């Protein structure tokens, strides 16, 4: 006898022979992207590519700790020398941005072109991922256009710099959208979900190794993973409870469940595997098994130990928790730190300049410079990577021992070694700064391209240009305005688009908040496509939460570490803010359109009925108004 299947949860055989659990019978099928729509999107991407193709790169070649760090280590990767010779800057940042630049150079693809192509692909992935939610072709194309022409995707400090902030824009979109796709297709066969899982994992790994401050993406990843695991468990439970002979089907059910769990955990597994692989490369080349020294090994312990010693900051400038006096006090707590005190003090004073102090956000540089000047961070032998890591471990242990023995007073530290301790005054400053950053982002303040290059460093400029394959307008002494005559019209055109975004996004953001509240309230009405509305609210809430996480993290950096009110630090917030806004408004329009169409139809029907009554009244010689009144 054929097995009886639950209307809500049933076994679903795929064309490939795999078995899915829990296909919802009350959810209407959605159409994938049509060839015509994909062609339109590709055409728009080509148009965008042409619009930005004449922009020059911004050469910040004097930024040895930032832009030139990427170029220098990209040159080493291109020469098959991993990250080059080991020093105090080698493992201070993630290796993906120099790897990306090296690959572009090897393939002969200009850096700016590769960035734009990746961004266009990310926008297309978003629309394909959200196809189960965005049923209308108009909705899909609106979301795509809104993301594609995001002004952050051609701004000077993100996409024009030979750096890493522009890469974050595309990475954030791909990670979020692939996880959304994995959730929306949780009832589909495993082979249909696997590409989205791989996309999420690879993008998450590249994002994690691109910047050291991308922990804001993890809440979305963890929550999405937990929800999908719970969903798979619930569907397994209902499948096993079905009133049927499950002896033959049970292995298939459990096998499908195991496959679902593996697909859901694959993104986090890919991230873990990438950390292990990069750590292996660093172990092979430098004798230090960590993926970078900011988030891994013992340097974070060293920074937290310094912050963990309580110090009276009354009267100190803002964003300063470690004045020179505290550093000198730490010498008395740690014999190991005291052994390199001369080099530490010299580098601290050099970074302090005339101010006499170093802000928290810059503190790691004089400390690492001091350790380097003391004879550590050597390519090999005494003072090599392993010795340097042991130095940090010993200093941290000695400071913690001093606190535990009562020789120093301790205080709580933040989870990240880059974040200074919390102060009570931040309770009022943080919400205000988050609000300021929100308005900064939605207004696209200062987000614009540049027609000019930067630092006049001929040798470094040639190295960066040779690697990027782009061109730059140099600010040399013989600079001529004639060089800009073909670039300035493009910049002006792009600035006009940015002005449109800055004008329409703030009111749209307000309407979006109301639309989201309306969608949340609609969940109280369990009729129609309730499951689709639930999924939409859940995913949109996660996207909004990620934006809030970015704003909060950068706001904390602003009030506690270093001035951060620049769009390059907030680069990940812009695409996610636009994603939340466009998707919410399009979904609200899709949900409202049947009611609007029905209302219009009723109005048309009433108008037609009134016209017919008037026509009938005229045919029998009655006054149409009185006839209409009598009929009413």
Foldseek 3Di string as FASTA:
>chain_A
DDADADQQWGWDADPVGAIFIGDHPQQDDADFDDPVLVVVLVVVLVVLCVLQVQFAAACPLVPVLFQLQLLQQLVCVLVVNRRPFWFLRSQAAFNLLSVLLNVCLVVVHFQLSVLSVLQSVLLVLLLRLCRSQQRDSVLSVLLSVLSNLQLLSFFRLARRYSGQLSVLQSLLSLLLSLLLSLVVCNRPGLVVNQVSLVSNQVSVQSNVRRGVPPCLCVVLLVVSLVVSLVVLVVRLVVHVPRPGPCPPVNVSSVVNSVSSNCSSCSSVVSNVVSQQVCLVVCCVQFVGRGSGLQFDFQNLLLLQLLLFFDDDCVPPDFQFDCAVVSLVVLCVQAVLSVVLVVLLSVLQCVCCPVVRGAGLQCVVVSVSRSLRVSPARGSDDPRTPVNVSVSSVRSSVSSVVCCVVPVTPTDDADPGSSFHRDDPVVVVQLVVQLVVLVLCQQLVPPSFYDNAYDDPDVVSVVSVCSSSVGRGQYPDPPRDCVSRPVPVVSRVVSVVVSNVSNVPRVVLLVVLVVLLVVLVVCLVPPDDNNVSSVSLSVSLVSLVSSLSSQSSVQSSCCRNGHNRSDVSSSVNNNSSSSSSSSSSVSSSCVVCVVVVVVVVVVVVVVVVVLVVQQVVCVVVPHDSVVSVVVVD
